[in-house]
Amino acid sequence: MEDIWLQVSNIGFPMALAIYLLVRVEKKLDDLTVAISTLGETLRREFG
């Protein structure tokens, strides 16, 4: 039984941390995509 808890703690925490970080990175990538699209539209209007 102790081995099961040891495996859960060894695998569970890194897995939860990885999922949390991936969700945060995904949100940042979405924000960057919107910002780059907006920048492209602004440049087209100003110089195009």
Protein backbone atom coordinates (compact mmCIF):
# COMPACT_ATOMS: atom_id res chain seq x y z
CA MET A 1 0.00 0.00 0.00
CA GLU A 2 2.86 2.35 0.79
CA ASP A 3 4.32 1.71 -2.67
CA ILE A 4 1.09 2.89 -4.27
CA TRP A 5 1.17 6.19 -2.36
CA LEU A 6 4.84 6.64 -3.23
CA GLN A 7 4.09 6.13 -6.94
CA VAL A 8 1.14 8.53 -6.81
CA SER A 9 3.29 11.20 -5.19
CA ASN A 10 6.15 10.60 -7.64
CA ILE A 11 3.92 10.72 -10.72
CA GLY A 12 0.89 12.73 -9.62
CA PHE A 13 2.60 15.97 -8.63
CA PRO A 14 4.75 16.29 -11.77
CA MET A 15 1.73 15.43 -13.92
CA ALA A 16 -0.46 18.05 -12.21
CA LEU A 17 2.31 20.63 -12.53
CA ALA A 18 2.81 19.86 -16.22
CA ILE A 19 -0.92 20.18 -16.94
CA TYR A 20 -1.09 23.47 -15.06
CA LEU A 21 1.89 24.89 -16.96
CA LEU A 22 0.55 23.71 -20.33
CA VAL A 23 -2.78 25.43 -19.69
CA ARG A 24 -0.99 28.66 -18.78
CA VAL A 25 1.25 28.49 -21.84
CA GLU A 26 -1.75 27.81 -24.08
CA LYS A 27 -3.47 30.97 -22.80
CA LYS A 28 -0.33 33.03 -23.41
CA LEU A 29 -0.01 31.62 -26.95
CA ASP A 30 -3.62 32.56 -27.68
CA ASP A 31 -2.96 36.10 -26.45
CA LEU A 32 0.17 36.34 -28.59
CA THR A 33 -1.70 35.11 -31.66
CA VAL A 34 -4.32 37.83 -31.21
CA ALA A 35 -1.64 40.48 -30.66
CA ILE A 36 0.28 39.45 -33.79
CA SER A 37 -2.91 39.48 -35.87
CA THR A 38 -3.79 42.92 -34.56
CA LEU A 39 -0.28 44.17 -35.31
CA GLY A 40 -0.52 42.85 -38.87
CA GLU A 41 -3.83 44.60 -39.43
CA THR A 42 -2.47 47.86 -38.01
CA LEU A 43 0.62 47.72 -40.21
CA ARG A 44 -1.50 47.03 -43.28
CA ARG A 45 -3.70 50.05 -42.56
CA GLU A 46 -0.77 52.37 -41.80
CA PHE A 47 1.65 51.33 -44.56
CA GLY A 48 -0.40 49.31 -46.99
